[in-house]
Amino acid sequence: MFSSPLLRLAEVILAEARAQRLRIATAESCTGGLIGGLLTEIAGSSDVFERGFIVYSNRAKSDMLGVPGDLIADMGAVSEPVARAMAEGAVMNSNAHMAVAVTGVAGPGGGTALKPVGLVHIAAARENRSILHEAHRFGDIGRSEVRMKTVEAALLLLQRMF
């Protein structure tokens, strides 16, 4: 299911988290659990991967991660502030030390002029550190491709938190 390069990247992240005795959580909207699925594809990941939040709906983002409803209403679910709040909420609502969060428009529909198909916001949070954020405009390259590129970008951003 996952490419060899993605599996190797997941192995590196898990090994680094293990070496630092850190646990990881994910908060996923547009990827629907693929990041957590990739991390748990690696044998022995249970000592590092704490939990995954699949928060596809706006209500789930609020209920499970504490993302303020007015933030979602004002900025939209696909936005930097919401991605940051998701990552922070994943750390606060788990036993993890760090988390990565993704929210975006995978397509084929749902895009607008301001938030086109392929736009994804990714945030990574770690206890007592500033939150990192990246926005990616993958373009209208197909739903599966947007989701897999998001998984890779999320792991690369998470890796920067070590």
Protein backbone atom coordinates (compact mmCIF):
# COMPACT_ATOMS: atom_id res chain seq x y z
CA MET A 1 0.00 0.00 0.00
CA PHE A 2 2.77 2.45 0.92
CA SER A 3 5.86 3.07 -1.18
CA SER A 4 9.31 2.00 0.00
CA PRO A 5 10.49 5.62 0.44
CA LEU A 6 7.47 6.41 2.66
CA LEU A 7 8.05 3.28 4.73
CA ARG A 8 11.71 4.24 5.21
CA LEU A 9 10.72 7.76 6.27
CA ALA A 10 8.26 6.32 8.79
CA GLU A 11 10.98 4.03 10.15
CA VAL A 12 13.34 6.99 10.62
CA ILE A 13 10.69 9.01 12.46
CA LEU A 14 9.76 6.13 14.72
CA ALA A 15 13.42 5.40 15.50
CA GLU A 16 14.08 9.04 16.39
CA ALA A 17 10.98 9.24 18.57
CA ARG A 18 11.99 5.98 20.25
CA ALA A 19 15.52 7.29 20.89
CA GLN A 20 14.08 10.43 22.49
CA ARG A 21 11.35 8.49 24.33
CA LEU A 22 8.61 10.49 22.63
CA ARG A 23 5.11 9.39 21.71
CA ILE A 24 3.37 10.60 18.55
CA ALA A 25 -0.28 11.35 17.76
CA THR A 26 -1.91 12.27 14.47
CA ALA A 27 -4.92 14.48 13.73
CA GLU A 28 -6.15 13.76 10.22
CA SER A 29 -8.90 15.21 8.12
CA CYS A 30 -8.21 14.89 4.38
CA THR A 31 -5.97 11.83 4.80
CA GLY A 32 -8.54 9.92 6.83
CA GLY A 33 -6.00 7.97 8.88
CA LEU A 34 -3.33 7.29 6.26
CA ILE A 35 -0.56 8.87 8.35
CA GLY A 36 -1.41 6.70 11.33
CA GLY A 37 -1.76 3.75 8.98
CA LEU A 38 1.72 4.32 7.61
CA LEU A 39 3.29 4.65 11.05
CA THR A 40 1.57 1.49 12.29
CA GLU A 41 2.65 -0.41 9.17
CA ILE A 42 6.07 -0.57 10.86
CA ALA A 43 6.42 -3.46 13.30
CA GLY A 44 7.06 -2.27 16.83
CA SER A 45 5.46 1.15 16.32
CA SER A 46 3.20 0.67 19.34
CA ASP A 47 5.89 1.95 21.70
CA VAL A 48 5.92 5.28 19.85
CA PHE A 49 2.56 5.78 18.12
CA GLU A 50 0.11 6.84 20.84
CA ARG A 51 -3.11 7.44 18.91
CA GLY A 52 -4.69 8.87 15.82
CA PHE A 53 -7.64 11.22 15.60
CA ILE A 54 -9.62 11.02 12.37
CA VAL A 55 -11.53 14.28 12.42
CA TYR A 56 -13.16 14.54 9.03
CA SER A 57 -16.11 16.68 10.11
CA ASN A 58 -15.90 20.12 11.66
CA ARG A 59 -17.77 18.85 14.71
CA ALA A 60 -15.19 16.10 15.21
CA LYS A 61 -12.41 18.70 15.10
CA SER A 62 -14.17 20.56 17.91
CA ASP A 63 -15.35 17.57 19.94
CA MET A 64 -12.15 15.50 19.83
CA LEU A 65 -9.43 18.14 19.57
CA GLY A 66 -11.00 21.23 21.11
CA VAL A 67 -10.75 23.33 17.94
CA PRO A 68 -13.05 26.29 18.59
CA GLY A 69 -16.15 26.24 16.44
CA ASP A 70 -15.89 29.99 15.84
CA LEU A 71 -12.34 29.52 14.52
CA ILE A 72 -13.61 27.00 11.98
CA ALA A 73 -16.56 29.27 11.10
CA ASP A 74 -14.33 32.33 10.68
CA MET A 75 -11.31 30.81 8.95
CA GLY A 76 -12.71 27.64 7.40
CA ALA A 77 -11.62 24.10 8.23
CA VAL A 78 -8.88 24.27 5.59
CA SER A 79 -6.74 27.00 7.11
CA GLU A 80 -3.51 27.56 8.98
CA PRO A 81 -5.17 28.44 12.30
CA VAL A 82 -7.30 25.29 12.25
CA ALA A 83 -4.33 23.06 11.36
CA ARG A 84 -2.35 24.58 14.23
CA ALA A 85 -5.26 24.11 16.65
CA MET A 86 -5.65 20.51 15.51
CA ALA A 87 -1.99 19.71 16.16
CA GLU A 88 -2.04 21.39 19.54
CA GLY A 89 -5.33 19.68 20.41
CA ALA A 90 -3.92 16.27 19.51
CA VAL A 91 -1.07 16.75 21.99
CA MET A 92 -3.37 18.13 24.68
CA ASN A 93 -5.98 15.37 24.28
CA SER A 94 -3.60 12.42 24.31
CA ASN A 95 -0.56 11.03 26.06
CA ALA A 96 1.62 12.04 23.12
CA HIS A 97 4.51 14.46 23.26
CA MET A 98 4.14 15.54 19.64
CA ALA A 99 1.55 15.48 16.87
CA VAL A 100 1.04 16.23 13.23
CA ALA A 101 -2.25 17.50 11.82
CA VAL A 102 -3.56 17.81 8.27
CA THR A 103 -6.60 19.52 6.78
CA GLY A 104 -7.16 20.11 3.09
CA VAL A 105 -9.15 19.76 -0.09
CA ALA A 106 -8.31 16.41 -1.69
CA GLY A 107 -10.88 16.71 -4.47
CA PRO A 108 -12.11 16.09 -6.99
CA GLY A 109 -14.74 18.61 -5.84
CA GLY A 110 -14.95 21.01 -2.93
CA GLY A 111 -12.39 23.52 -4.09
CA THR A 112 -12.94 27.27 -4.41
CA ALA A 113 -10.91 30.12 -5.87
CA LEU A 114 -9.37 30.82 -2.45
CA LYS A 115 -9.09 27.17 -1.39
CA PRO A 116 -8.56 25.12 -4.54
CA VAL A 117 -8.39 21.36 -4.83
CA GLY A 118 -4.96 20.27 -3.68
CA LEU A 119 -4.58 22.91 -0.95
CA VAL A 120 -3.47 21.29 2.31
CA HIS A 121 -2.46 22.85 5.62
CA ILE A 122 -0.12 20.79 7.79
CA ALA A 123 0.93 21.59 11.35
CA ALA A 124 3.23 19.84 13.81
CA ALA A 125 3.24 20.48 17.54
CA ARG A 126 5.48 19.33 20.35
CA GLU A 127 5.18 20.01 24.05
CA ASN A 128 6.85 23.29 25.05
CA ARG A 129 7.82 24.21 21.49
CA SER A 130 6.37 26.46 18.84
CA ILE A 131 4.05 24.91 16.29
CA LEU A 132 5.35 24.48 12.75
CA HIS A 133 3.05 25.02 9.76
CA GLU A 134 3.24 24.52 6.02
CA ALA A 135 0.70 25.12 3.28
CA HIS A 136 0.96 22.97 0.17
CA ARG A 137 -0.72 23.52 -3.15
CA PHE A 138 -0.43 20.12 -4.77
CA GLY A 139 -2.93 21.03 -7.47
CA ASP A 140 -5.76 19.02 -8.95
CA ILE A 141 -3.64 15.87 -9.37
CA GLY A 142 -6.26 13.38 -8.21
CA ARG A 143 -7.63 12.58 -4.79
CA SER A 144 -5.31 9.65 -4.05
CA GLU A 145 -2.21 11.55 -5.14
CA VAL A 146 -3.12 14.61 -3.02
CA ARG A 147 -3.61 12.35 0.00
CA MET A 148 -0.31 10.48 -0.48
CA LYS A 149 1.65 13.69 -1.05
CA THR A 150 0.06 15.02 2.15
CA VAL A 151 1.21 11.95 4.09
CA GLU A 152 4.78 12.49 2.92
CA ALA A 153 4.76 16.22 3.64
CA ALA A 154 3.27 15.61 7.08
CA LEU A 155 6.00 13.14 8.02
CA LEU A 156 8.70 15.49 6.78
CA LEU A 157 7.27 18.32 8.87
CA LEU A 158 6.98 16.03 11.90
CA GLN A 159 10.62 15.06 11.43
CA ARG A 160 11.60 18.70 11.84
CA MET A 161 10.17 18.64 15.39
CA PHE A 162 13.00 16.39 16.69
